[in-house]
Amino acid sequence: MSLNRIILIGRATKDPELRYLPNGTATATFTLAVDRPFTNGNGNKETDFINIVVWKQLAETVANYLKKGRLNAVEGRLQIRRWESENGTRYITEVVADNVRFLGGNSSQGDPNEREPYQSSNQDPFRDDGKPIDISDDDLPF
């Protein structure tokens, strides 16, 4: 049995780059800045810059809503690609994401009235999150 899962939380270093393969499949790439949970000998935090690849509908969603500086969580698998070039064998390590969650707001100082992309202009449907729901037993399907 083997397992290849990775979960990261960090900020996008730039807006994602969306492109389409000749067969029409969407793919997007971006870099995630992830702080290490400790400081180095000088007392400074170090940051890893991790390449992220997303495919199909998720690629289009990420390209539309993920912006530079935005905090997000990425879940996927680690992939190491290898190819031959004029300079010899080349490698790249990246995360192929199958789940991207947008966390918090954008870190930039944009319009304070600008809504998060996943919120509708209607009243927040999760305003009572965590409170009991008034529902009768007759409404339950089981």
N, C-alpha and C. Protein backbone atom coordinates (compact mmCIF):
# COMPACT_ATOMS: atom_id res chain seq x y z
N MET A 1 0.85 -1.18 0.00
CA MET A 1 0.00 0.00 0.00
C MET A 1 0.89 1.24 0.00
N SER A 2 0.48 2.24 -0.74
CA SER A 2 1.21 3.51 -0.76
C SER A 2 0.22 4.66 -0.67
N LEU A 3 0.73 5.80 -0.25
CA LEU A 3 -0.11 6.97 -0.08
C LEU A 3 0.68 8.20 -0.50
N ASN A 4 0.09 9.02 -1.33
CA ASN A 4 0.72 10.26 -1.79
C ASN A 4 -0.32 11.36 -1.68
N ARG A 5 -0.44 11.99 -0.52
CA ARG A 5 -1.36 13.10 -0.28
C ARG A 5 -0.59 14.23 0.37
N ILE A 6 -0.94 15.43 0.00
CA ILE A 6 -0.30 16.60 0.58
C ILE A 6 -1.36 17.67 0.79
N ILE A 7 -1.28 18.35 1.92
CA ILE A 7 -2.18 19.47 2.23
C ILE A 7 -1.31 20.65 2.61
N LEU A 8 -1.55 21.77 1.95
CA LEU A 8 -0.76 22.98 2.18
C LEU A 8 -1.69 24.17 2.39
N ILE A 9 -1.27 25.10 3.22
CA ILE A 9 -1.97 26.37 3.38
C ILE A 9 -0.94 27.47 3.19
N GLY A 10 -1.24 28.38 2.29
CA GLY A 10 -0.31 29.48 2.02
C GLY A 10 -0.97 30.52 1.14
N ARG A 11 -0.15 31.45 0.67
CA ARG A 11 -0.64 32.55 -0.17
C ARG A 11 -0.09 32.42 -1.58
N ALA A 12 -0.95 32.74 -2.54
CA ALA A 12 -0.54 32.74 -3.94
C ALA A 12 0.47 33.86 -4.16
N THR A 13 1.56 33.56 -4.83
CA THR A 13 2.60 34.58 -5.07
C THR A 13 2.28 35.45 -6.28
N LYS A 14 1.37 34.99 -7.14
CA LYS A 14 0.92 35.78 -8.30
C LYS A 14 -0.40 35.18 -8.78
N ASP A 15 -1.08 35.87 -9.64
CA ASP A 15 -2.32 35.34 -10.20
C ASP A 15 -2.02 34.07 -10.98
N PRO A 16 -2.91 33.08 -10.96
CA PRO A 16 -2.69 31.84 -11.71
C PRO A 16 -2.60 32.09 -13.21
N GLU A 17 -1.87 31.21 -13.88
CA GLU A 17 -1.77 31.26 -15.34
C GLU A 17 -2.63 30.14 -15.90
N LEU A 18 -3.67 30.51 -16.66
CA LEU A 18 -4.59 29.55 -17.24
C LEU A 18 -4.23 29.35 -18.71
N ARG A 19 -4.24 28.09 -19.14
CA ARG A 19 -4.05 27.80 -20.56
C ARG A 19 -4.87 26.57 -20.91
N TYR A 20 -5.05 26.35 -22.19
CA TYR A 20 -5.82 25.22 -22.68
C TYR A 20 -4.95 24.36 -23.58
N LEU A 21 -5.00 23.05 -23.36
CA LEU A 21 -4.29 22.11 -24.21
C LEU A 21 -5.00 22.03 -25.55
N PRO A 22 -4.34 21.51 -26.59
CA PRO A 22 -4.99 21.42 -27.90
C PRO A 22 -6.33 20.66 -27.87
N ASN A 23 -6.50 19.73 -26.94
CA ASN A 23 -7.76 18.99 -26.86
C ASN A 23 -8.83 19.75 -26.07
N GLY A 24 -8.52 20.98 -25.60
CA GLY A 24 -9.48 21.82 -24.90
C GLY A 24 -9.46 21.70 -23.39
N THR A 25 -8.61 20.85 -22.83
CA THR A 25 -8.52 20.68 -21.39
C THR A 25 -7.85 21.90 -20.76
N ALA A 26 -8.49 22.46 -19.73
CA ALA A 26 -7.94 23.63 -19.03
C ALA A 26 -6.92 23.17 -18.00
N THR A 27 -5.85 23.95 -17.88
CA THR A 27 -4.86 23.74 -16.81
C THR A 27 -4.39 25.10 -16.32
N ALA A 28 -4.17 25.19 -15.03
CA ALA A 28 -3.69 26.44 -14.44
C ALA A 28 -2.54 26.12 -13.50
N THR A 29 -1.61 27.04 -13.42
CA THR A 29 -0.47 26.89 -12.52
C THR A 29 -0.33 28.15 -11.69
N PHE A 30 0.14 27.96 -10.46
CA PHE A 30 0.48 29.08 -9.60
C PHE A 30 1.47 28.59 -8.56
N THR A 31 2.06 29.54 -7.85
CA THR A 31 3.02 29.20 -6.80
C THR A 31 2.43 29.59 -5.46
N LEU A 32 2.56 28.69 -4.50
CA LEU A 32 2.04 28.90 -3.17
C LEU A 32 3.21 29.15 -2.22
N ALA A 33 3.17 30.26 -1.49
CA ALA A 33 4.18 30.58 -0.48
C ALA A 33 3.70 30.02 0.86
N VAL A 34 4.47 29.07 1.40
CA VAL A 34 4.10 28.40 2.65
C VAL A 34 5.20 28.64 3.67
N ASP A 35 4.85 29.29 4.78
CA ASP A 35 5.82 29.55 5.84
C ASP A 35 6.15 28.25 6.57
N ARG A 36 7.40 28.09 6.92
CA ARG A 36 7.81 26.96 7.75
C ARG A 36 7.41 27.27 9.20
N PRO A 37 7.11 26.22 9.99
CA PRO A 37 6.58 26.46 11.34
C PRO A 37 7.65 26.79 12.38
N PHE A 38 8.86 27.09 11.95
CA PHE A 38 9.94 27.39 12.89
C PHE A 38 10.79 28.52 12.31
N THR A 39 11.67 29.06 13.13
CA THR A 39 12.57 30.11 12.66
C THR A 39 13.97 29.54 12.48
N ASN A 40 14.76 30.21 11.65
CA ASN A 40 16.13 29.77 11.43
C ASN A 40 17.03 30.31 12.54
N GLY A 41 18.33 30.10 12.43
CA GLY A 41 19.28 30.54 13.45
C GLY A 41 19.28 32.03 13.70
N ASN A 42 18.84 32.82 12.73
CA ASN A 42 18.79 34.27 12.87
C ASN A 42 17.45 34.74 13.43
N GLY A 43 16.54 33.81 13.72
CA GLY A 43 15.23 34.18 14.25
C GLY A 43 14.22 34.55 13.18
N ASN A 44 14.54 34.30 11.91
CA ASN A 44 13.64 34.63 10.81
C ASN A 44 12.89 33.39 10.35
N LYS A 45 11.63 33.59 9.96
CA LYS A 45 10.86 32.50 9.36
C LYS A 45 11.31 32.32 7.92
N GLU A 46 11.36 31.07 7.50
CA GLU A 46 11.67 30.78 6.11
C GLU A 46 10.39 30.36 5.40
N THR A 47 10.37 30.56 4.10
CA THR A 47 9.19 30.27 3.30
C THR A 47 9.57 29.34 2.16
N ASP A 48 8.72 28.36 1.90
CA ASP A 48 8.88 27.49 0.74
C ASP A 48 7.93 27.97 -0.34
N PHE A 49 8.38 27.95 -1.59
CA PHE A 49 7.57 28.36 -2.73
C PHE A 49 7.29 27.10 -3.54
N ILE A 50 6.04 26.68 -3.53
CA ILE A 50 5.66 25.37 -4.06
C ILE A 50 4.80 25.55 -5.31
N ASN A 51 5.21 24.88 -6.39
CA ASN A 51 4.48 24.94 -7.65
C ASN A 51 3.22 24.08 -7.55
N ILE A 52 2.08 24.67 -7.98
CA ILE A 52 0.79 23.99 -7.94
C ILE A 52 0.24 23.91 -9.35
N VAL A 53 -0.33 22.76 -9.71
CA VAL A 53 -0.97 22.55 -11.01
C VAL A 53 -2.39 22.08 -10.76
N VAL A 54 -3.36 22.69 -11.45
CA VAL A 54 -4.75 22.25 -11.36
C VAL A 54 -5.27 22.02 -12.78
N TRP A 55 -6.28 21.15 -12.90
CA TRP A 55 -6.78 20.74 -14.20
C TRP A 55 -8.29 20.93 -14.30
N LYS A 56 -8.76 20.99 -15.52
CA LYS A 56 -10.18 20.98 -15.91
C LYS A 56 -10.96 22.12 -15.26
N GLN A 57 -12.16 21.83 -14.74
CA GLN A 57 -13.03 22.87 -14.19
C GLN A 57 -12.38 23.58 -13.02
N LEU A 58 -11.65 22.84 -12.19
CA LEU A 58 -10.97 23.46 -11.05
C LEU A 58 -9.95 24.49 -11.53
N ALA A 59 -9.29 24.22 -12.63
CA ALA A 59 -8.33 25.18 -13.19
C ALA A 59 -9.01 26.50 -13.56
N GLU A 60 -10.18 26.40 -14.17
CA GLU A 60 -10.91 27.61 -14.55
C GLU A 60 -11.40 28.37 -13.31
N THR A 61 -11.86 27.65 -12.31
CA THR A 61 -12.32 28.29 -11.07
C THR A 61 -11.17 29.01 -10.38
N VAL A 62 -10.04 28.34 -10.28
CA VAL A 62 -8.85 28.94 -9.65
C VAL A 62 -8.42 30.18 -10.42
N ALA A 63 -8.41 30.10 -11.74
CA ALA A 63 -8.00 31.25 -12.55
C ALA A 63 -8.94 32.43 -12.37
N ASN A 64 -10.22 32.16 -12.16
CA ASN A 64 -11.20 33.24 -12.00
C ASN A 64 -11.16 33.89 -10.62
N TYR A 65 -10.87 33.12 -9.57
CA TYR A 65 -11.04 33.64 -8.21
C TYR A 65 -9.77 33.77 -7.37
N LEU A 66 -8.74 33.04 -7.69
CA LEU A 66 -7.52 33.12 -6.89
C LEU A 66 -6.67 34.28 -7.40
N LYS A 67 -6.31 35.15 -6.51
CA LYS A 67 -5.49 36.31 -6.87
C LYS A 67 -4.24 36.34 -6.01
N LYS A 68 -3.26 37.06 -6.47
CA LYS A 68 -2.00 37.20 -5.74
C LYS A 68 -2.27 37.63 -4.30
N GLY A 69 -1.63 36.95 -3.35
CA GLY A 69 -1.74 37.30 -1.95
C GLY A 69 -2.87 36.62 -1.22
N ARG A 70 -3.76 35.96 -1.94
CA ARG A 70 -4.92 35.33 -1.30
C ARG A 70 -4.52 34.04 -0.60
N LEU A 71 -4.99 33.90 0.63
CA LEU A 71 -4.74 32.70 1.42
C LEU A 71 -5.63 31.57 0.92
N ASN A 72 -5.04 30.39 0.71
CA ASN A 72 -5.82 29.25 0.25
C ASN A 72 -5.21 27.95 0.73
N ALA A 73 -6.03 26.93 0.76
CA ALA A 73 -5.60 25.58 1.12
C ALA A 73 -5.62 24.74 -0.15
N VAL A 74 -4.59 23.92 -0.31
CA VAL A 74 -4.46 23.06 -1.48
C VAL A 74 -4.30 21.63 -0.99
N GLU A 75 -5.06 20.73 -1.59
CA GLU A 75 -4.93 19.31 -1.30
C GLU A 75 -4.70 18.59 -2.62
N GLY A 76 -3.75 17.68 -2.63
CA GLY A 76 -3.45 16.96 -3.85
C GLY A 76 -2.38 15.93 -3.63
N ARG A 77 -1.62 15.70 -4.70
CA ARG A 77 -0.54 14.71 -4.63
C ARG A 77 0.76 15.34 -5.13
N LEU A 78 1.86 14.88 -4.58
CA LEU A 78 3.18 15.34 -5.00
C LEU A 78 3.58 14.61 -6.27
N GLN A 79 4.11 15.36 -7.22
CA GLN A 79 4.54 14.78 -8.50
C GLN A 79 5.91 15.32 -8.85
N ILE A 80 6.78 14.44 -9.28
CA ILE A 80 8.11 14.85 -9.76
C ILE A 80 8.21 14.43 -11.21
N ARG A 81 8.31 15.43 -12.08
CA ARG A 81 8.43 15.16 -13.52
C ARG A 81 9.89 15.22 -13.93
N ARG A 82 10.24 14.41 -14.90
CA ARG A 82 11.62 14.34 -15.40
C ARG A 82 11.58 14.38 -16.92
N TRP A 83 12.50 15.14 -17.53
CA TRP A 83 12.61 15.19 -18.98
C TRP A 83 14.04 15.51 -19.36
N GLU A 84 14.36 15.21 -20.60
CA GLU A 84 15.70 15.47 -21.13
C GLU A 84 15.68 16.79 -21.89
N SER A 85 16.71 17.61 -21.66
CA SER A 85 16.84 18.87 -22.38
C SER A 85 18.26 18.97 -22.92
N GLU A 86 18.56 20.09 -23.57
CA GLU A 86 19.91 20.32 -24.08
C GLU A 86 20.93 20.33 -22.96
N ASN A 87 20.50 20.71 -21.75
CA ASN A 87 21.38 20.81 -20.59
C ASN A 87 21.40 19.54 -19.75
N GLY A 88 20.82 18.46 -20.25
CA GLY A 88 20.79 17.20 -19.50
C GLY A 88 19.42 16.94 -18.90
N THR A 89 19.39 16.04 -17.95
CA THR A 89 18.14 15.67 -17.31
C THR A 89 17.66 16.79 -16.41
N ARG A 90 16.38 17.12 -16.56
CA ARG A 90 15.76 18.18 -15.75
C ARG A 90 14.64 17.59 -14.92
N TYR A 91 14.39 18.19 -13.75
CA TYR A 91 13.34 17.74 -12.85
C TYR A 91 12.53 18.94 -12.37
N ILE A 92 11.26 18.69 -12.09
CA ILE A 92 10.44 19.69 -11.42
C ILE A 92 9.54 18.96 -10.43
N THR A 93 9.43 19.53 -9.24
CA THR A 93 8.55 19.00 -8.22
C THR A 93 7.36 19.94 -8.10
N GLU A 94 6.16 19.36 -8.12
CA GLU A 94 4.95 20.16 -8.07
C GLU A 94 3.85 19.38 -7.37
N VAL A 95 2.81 20.09 -6.96
CA VAL A 95 1.63 19.47 -6.38
C VAL A 95 0.53 19.53 -7.42
N VAL A 96 -0.03 18.38 -7.74
CA VAL A 96 -1.19 18.31 -8.62
C VAL A 96 -2.40 18.36 -7.69
N ALA A 97 -3.10 19.48 -7.72
CA ALA A 97 -4.19 19.73 -6.77
C ALA A 97 -5.50 19.17 -7.29
N ASP A 98 -6.23 18.51 -6.39
CA ASP A 98 -7.59 18.10 -6.72
C ASP A 98 -8.62 18.81 -5.86
N ASN A 99 -8.13 19.69 -4.97
CA ASN A 99 -9.02 20.48 -4.13
C ASN A 99 -8.30 21.78 -3.76
N VAL A 100 -8.92 22.91 -4.03
CA VAL A 100 -8.38 24.21 -3.65
C VAL A 100 -9.49 24.95 -2.92
N ARG A 101 -9.20 25.40 -1.72
CA ARG A 101 -10.17 26.16 -0.92
C ARG A 101 -9.66 27.57 -0.73
N PHE A 102 -10.51 28.54 -0.97
CA PHE A 102 -10.16 29.94 -0.75
C PHE A 102 -10.45 30.27 0.71
N LEU A 103 -9.44 30.71 1.43
CA LEU A 103 -9.57 31.00 2.85
C LEU A 103 -9.51 32.50 3.08
N GLY A 104 -10.30 32.98 4.01
CA GLY A 104 -10.25 34.41 4.35
C GLY A 104 -10.49 35.27 3.14
N GLY A 105 -10.06 36.50 3.25
CA GLY A 105 -10.22 37.44 2.14
C GLY A 105 -8.90 37.62 1.42
N ASN A 106 -8.91 38.54 0.50
CA ASN A 106 -7.71 38.88 -0.23
C ASN A 106 -6.82 39.73 0.67
N SER A 107 -5.53 39.52 0.64
CA SER A 107 -4.63 40.28 1.51
C SER A 107 -4.39 41.70 1.02
N SER A 108 -4.78 41.99 -0.22
CA SER A 108 -4.57 43.35 -0.74
C SER A 108 -5.61 44.28 -0.15
N GLN A 109 -5.35 45.55 -0.22
CA GLN A 109 -6.26 46.56 0.32
C GLN A 109 -7.20 47.02 -0.78
N GLY A 110 -8.08 46.14 -1.22
CA GLY A 110 -9.02 46.47 -2.27
C GLY A 110 -10.25 47.16 -1.70
N ASP A 111 -11.29 47.17 -2.48
CA ASP A 111 -12.56 47.76 -2.09
C ASP A 111 -13.13 46.99 -0.90
N PRO A 112 -13.36 47.65 0.26
CA PRO A 112 -13.87 46.94 1.42
C PRO A 112 -15.28 46.40 1.22
N ASN A 113 -16.01 46.93 0.23
CA ASN A 113 -17.36 46.44 -0.04
C ASN A 113 -17.37 45.29 -1.03
N GLU A 114 -16.20 44.94 -1.58
CA GLU A 114 -16.12 43.85 -2.54
C GLU A 114 -16.37 42.53 -1.83
N ARG A 115 -17.27 41.73 -2.38
CA ARG A 115 -17.61 40.46 -1.77
C ARG A 115 -16.64 39.37 -2.21
N GLU A 116 -16.54 38.35 -1.37
CA GLU A 116 -15.79 37.16 -1.76
C GLU A 116 -16.50 36.54 -2.95
N PRO A 117 -15.78 35.89 -3.87
CA PRO A 117 -16.41 35.37 -5.09
C PRO A 117 -17.44 34.28 -4.84
N TYR A 118 -17.36 33.59 -3.72
CA TYR A 118 -18.28 32.50 -3.47
C TYR A 118 -19.50 32.94 -2.67
N GLN A 119 -19.62 34.22 -2.39
CA GLN A 119 -20.80 34.72 -1.69
C GLN A 119 -21.76 35.32 -2.70
N SER A 120 -23.04 35.11 -2.49
CA SER A 120 -24.03 35.73 -3.36
C SER A 120 -24.36 37.11 -2.82
N SER A 121 -25.06 37.88 -3.61
CA SER A 121 -25.45 39.20 -3.15
C SER A 121 -26.62 39.14 -2.18
N ASN A 122 -27.25 37.94 -2.06
CA ASN A 122 -28.35 37.76 -1.11
C ASN A 122 -27.80 37.63 0.30
N GLN A 123 -28.72 37.55 1.25
CA GLN A 123 -28.31 37.40 2.64
C GLN A 123 -27.49 36.12 2.80
N ASP A 124 -26.51 36.14 3.67
CA ASP A 124 -25.61 35.01 3.90
C ASP A 124 -26.40 33.79 4.37
N PRO A 125 -26.38 32.67 3.61
CA PRO A 125 -27.15 31.49 4.01
C PRO A 125 -26.57 30.78 5.23
N PHE A 126 -25.37 31.11 5.63
CA PHE A 126 -24.71 30.45 6.75
C PHE A 126 -24.67 31.35 7.99
N ARG A 127 -25.51 32.36 8.01
CA ARG A 127 -25.48 33.32 9.12
C ARG A 127 -25.75 32.67 10.46
N ASP A 128 -26.52 31.57 10.50
CA ASP A 128 -26.83 30.89 11.76
C ASP A 128 -25.96 29.66 11.96
N ASP A 129 -24.84 29.59 11.27
CA ASP A 129 -23.96 28.42 11.34
C ASP A 129 -23.60 28.12 12.79
N GLY A 130 -23.80 26.87 13.19
CA GLY A 130 -23.46 26.45 14.54
C GLY A 130 -24.62 26.53 15.50
N LYS A 131 -25.73 27.14 15.09
CA LYS A 131 -26.91 27.24 15.95
C LYS A 131 -27.89 26.14 15.56
N PRO A 132 -28.75 25.72 16.50
CA PRO A 132 -29.74 24.68 16.18
C PRO A 132 -30.66 25.14 15.04
N ILE A 133 -31.08 24.17 14.25
CA ILE A 133 -31.98 24.44 13.14
C ILE A 133 -33.37 23.97 13.53
N ASP A 134 -34.36 24.80 13.31
CA ASP A 134 -35.72 24.46 13.64
C ASP A 134 -36.31 23.65 12.48
N ILE A 135 -36.37 22.31 12.66
CA ILE A 135 -36.88 21.42 11.62
C ILE A 135 -37.66 20.30 12.30
N SER A 136 -38.77 19.92 11.69
CA SER A 136 -39.58 18.87 12.30
C SER A 136 -39.12 17.50 11.80
N ASP A 137 -39.45 16.46 12.55
CA ASP A 137 -39.09 15.10 12.18
C ASP A 137 -39.74 14.69 10.85
N ASP A 138 -40.87 15.31 10.52
CA ASP A 138 -41.56 14.97 9.26
C ASP A 138 -40.77 15.44 8.05
N ASP A 139 -39.89 16.41 8.22
CA ASP A 139 -39.09 16.93 7.11
C ASP A 139 -37.86 16.08 6.82
N LEU A 140 -37.50 15.20 7.73
CA LEU A 140 -36.29 14.38 7.56
C LEU A 140 -36.58 13.17 6.69
N PRO A 141 -35.67 12.83 5.77
CA PRO A 141 -35.90 11.72 4.85
C PRO A 141 -35.64 10.35 5.47
N PHE A 142 -35.25 10.26 6.71
CA PHE A 142 -34.94 8.96 7.32
C PHE A 142 -35.61 8.78 8.64
